Amino acid sequence: MHTKPLVSTIIVTACIIFVLGETVTAAPIPTEVKSVVGFVYTPNNQGKLVPNGTGFFVGVQDPSTTDSFHVYFVTAKHVLCKPNTNEYFERIFVRLNKKGGGAEFGVIPLIPEGEKRTVFVNSDPSVDLAITPVALDQAKFDYKFLPADMITTKEAYIGS
């Protein structure tokens, strides 16, 4: 799979969603939409997990099969960084509802560089957006993802 064009499309789309989201009038949020959102927790100086932001899940269909998706978590880049630095946490903890009731943390490892890289950001440092692939247990956690075809591309947005 070509990761760079995919990541660029997701970054552009998320920026558009964040910008346009402020202009939309308030309405009840459907349950299905709520389940694409995850609440990010990170350790404080004492090692206690504290809320640090939110993100959402996006699924990109595997081109080799019709029933498999690559799932990504999209959030603000600063949510993945230690306070007042550009240094990434080793992992984030995403609070999700469990299918059997209650909630639990799913762990997403963060590797910003190298062959096993899991953090993808825009080359423009002013873009506060990050994407990381996830492999959370869908049998355990009650989360959904937005299919990539529901997200517009920069070309489609500008052309309309």
Protein backbone atom coordinates (compact mmCIF):
# COMPACT_ATOMS: atom_id res chain seq x y z
CA MET A 1 0.00 0.00 0.00
CA HIS A 2 1.24 3.53 -0.72
CA THR A 3 1.25 5.09 2.73
CA LYS A 4 2.35 8.64 1.86
CA PRO A 5 -0.60 9.54 -0.47
CA LEU A 6 -3.03 7.86 1.94
CA VAL A 7 -1.63 9.73 4.94
CA SER A 8 -1.68 13.03 3.00
CA THR A 9 -5.34 12.47 2.05
CA ILE A 10 -6.30 11.69 5.64
CA ILE A 11 -4.40 14.75 6.94
CA VAL A 12 -6.07 17.09 4.43
CA THR A 13 -9.48 15.59 5.15
CA ALA A 14 -9.07 15.89 8.91
CA CYS A 15 -8.03 19.54 8.54
CA ILE A 16 -11.16 20.24 6.51
CA ILE A 17 -13.32 18.47 9.10
CA PHE A 18 -11.75 20.47 11.95
CA VAL A 19 -12.15 23.80 10.11
CA LEU A 20 -15.70 23.16 8.91
CA GLY A 21 -16.74 21.59 12.21
CA GLU A 22 -16.73 25.00 13.86
CA THR A 23 -19.31 26.36 11.41
CA VAL A 24 -21.86 23.58 11.82
CA THR A 25 -24.83 24.24 14.08
CA ALA A 26 -25.27 22.08 17.17
CA ALA A 27 -27.42 18.97 16.85
CA PRO A 28 -27.63 15.70 18.73
CA ILE A 29 -24.70 13.46 17.88
CA PRO A 30 -25.79 10.01 16.67
CA THR A 31 -24.47 7.05 18.68
CA GLU A 32 -22.72 5.66 15.59
CA VAL A 33 -20.73 8.87 15.26
CA LYS A 34 -19.78 8.84 18.94
CA SER A 35 -18.31 5.37 18.54
CA VAL A 36 -15.71 6.60 16.03
CA VAL A 37 -14.24 8.89 18.72
CA GLY A 38 -11.62 7.85 21.24
CA PHE A 39 -10.48 9.73 24.33
CA VAL A 40 -6.68 9.96 24.62
CA TYR A 41 -4.98 9.59 28.00
CA THR A 42 -1.27 10.03 28.67
CA PRO A 43 0.85 9.61 31.80
CA ASN A 44 1.56 12.67 33.93
CA ASN A 45 4.82 13.16 35.89
CA GLN A 46 3.60 10.71 38.55
CA GLY A 47 2.69 8.08 35.94
CA LYS A 48 -1.06 8.55 36.44
CA LEU A 49 -3.13 8.50 33.25
CA VAL A 50 -4.80 11.85 32.60
CA PRO A 51 -7.07 13.01 29.74
CA ASN A 52 -5.07 14.68 26.99
CA GLY A 53 -7.34 14.95 23.94
CA THR A 54 -9.55 13.12 21.49
CA GLY A 55 -9.25 11.55 18.09
CA PHE A 56 -11.27 9.54 15.62
CA PHE A 57 -10.90 6.30 13.69
CA VAL A 58 -10.71 6.07 9.91
CA GLY A 59 -10.78 2.83 7.94
CA VAL A 60 -9.17 2.43 4.53
CA GLN A 61 -10.29 -0.60 2.56
CA ASP A 62 -7.56 -3.08 1.75
CA PRO A 63 -7.32 -3.06 -2.06
CA SER A 64 -6.65 -6.81 -2.14
CA THR A 65 -9.96 -7.77 -0.46
CA THR A 66 -13.46 -6.36 -0.04
CA ASP A 67 -13.91 -7.21 3.65
CA SER A 68 -10.68 -5.96 5.24
CA PHE A 69 -9.75 -2.45 6.36
CA HIS A 70 -6.62 -0.74 7.60
CA VAL A 71 -7.70 1.34 10.61
CA TYR A 72 -6.01 4.59 11.63
CA PHE A 73 -6.42 6.91 14.62
CA VAL A 74 -6.40 10.62 13.74
CA THR A 75 -5.68 13.24 16.39
CA ALA A 76 -3.84 16.51 16.97
CA LYS A 77 -0.06 16.09 16.87
CA HIS A 78 0.40 17.90 20.20
CA VAL A 79 -1.79 15.27 21.91
CA LEU A 80 0.90 12.68 21.17
CA CYS A 81 3.74 14.84 22.55
CA LYS A 82 5.00 15.29 26.08
CA PRO A 83 3.98 18.68 27.52
CA ASN A 84 5.91 21.67 26.20
CA THR A 85 8.07 19.53 23.89
CA ASN A 86 8.06 17.95 20.46
CA GLU A 87 9.01 14.59 22.02
CA TYR A 88 6.40 11.89 21.52
CA PHE A 89 5.11 9.66 24.30
CA GLU A 90 6.10 6.01 23.88
CA ARG A 91 2.42 5.12 23.71
CA ILE A 92 -1.01 6.62 24.21
CA PHE A 93 -3.99 5.09 25.95
CA VAL A 94 -7.35 5.43 24.22
CA ARG A 95 -10.40 5.01 26.45
CA LEU A 96 -13.05 3.01 24.65
CA ASN A 97 -16.32 1.37 25.59
CA LYS A 98 -16.24 -2.39 25.83
CA LYS A 99 -18.86 -4.49 24.04
CA GLY A 100 -19.81 -6.19 27.32
CA GLY A 101 -20.23 -2.86 29.13
CA GLY A 102 -17.82 -0.60 30.93
CA ALA A 103 -14.73 0.96 29.45
CA GLU A 104 -11.07 0.11 29.14
CA PHE A 105 -7.91 1.54 27.63
CA GLY A 106 -6.58 0.39 24.29
CA VAL A 107 -2.87 1.00 23.88
CA ILE A 108 -1.42 2.58 20.74
CA PRO A 109 2.39 2.48 20.50
CA LEU A 110 4.03 5.57 19.03
CA ILE A 111 7.13 5.17 16.88
CA PRO A 112 7.86 8.48 15.11
CA GLU A 113 10.83 7.32 12.99
CA GLY A 114 12.44 4.32 11.40
CA GLU A 115 11.34 1.19 9.59
CA LYS A 116 8.57 0.41 12.10
CA ARG A 117 7.25 3.99 12.15
CA THR A 118 3.68 4.39 13.41
CA VAL A 119 3.30 8.18 13.65
CA PHE A 120 2.65 10.10 10.45
CA VAL A 121 2.50 13.90 10.37
CA ASN A 122 2.52 16.60 7.74
CA SER A 123 5.96 17.92 6.76
CA ASP A 124 4.67 21.43 7.55
CA PRO A 125 5.32 21.81 11.31
CA SER A 126 2.40 24.25 11.65
CA VAL A 127 -0.09 21.44 10.83
CA ASP A 128 -1.15 20.04 14.20
CA LEU A 129 -2.37 16.66 12.99
CA ALA A 130 -1.10 13.10 13.38
CA ILE A 131 -2.18 9.68 12.15
CA THR A 132 -1.22 6.30 13.53
CA PRO A 133 -2.30 2.81 12.48
CA VAL A 134 -4.20 0.84 15.13
CA ALA A 135 -4.84 -2.82 15.80
CA LEU A 136 -7.32 -2.69 18.67
CA ASP A 137 -9.43 -5.77 19.41
CA GLN A 138 -12.75 -5.15 17.63
CA ALA A 139 -14.28 -8.15 19.41
CA LYS A 140 -13.54 -6.52 22.77
CA PHE A 141 -13.97 -2.80 22.11
CA ASP A 142 -17.13 -1.11 20.86
CA TYR A 143 -15.67 1.27 18.31
CA LYS A 144 -16.32 1.99 14.68
CA PHE A 145 -14.42 3.85 12.00
CA LEU A 146 -15.31 6.29 9.28
CA PRO A 147 -14.75 4.64 5.90
CA ALA A 148 -12.25 6.62 3.86
CA ASP A 149 -14.81 7.01 1.06
CA MET A 150 -16.91 9.14 3.44
CA ILE A 151 -14.06 11.61 3.70
CA THR A 152 -13.47 14.13 0.98
CA THR A 153 -10.12 14.73 -0.68
CA LYS A 154 -8.44 18.07 -1.14
CA GLU A 155 -9.10 17.83 -4.89
CA ALA A 156 -12.81 17.12 -4.43
CA TYR A 157 -13.18 19.90 -1.86
CA ILE A 158 -11.45 22.53 -3.96
CA GLY A 159 -13.20 21.42 -7.15
CA SER A 160 -16.68 21.85 -5.70
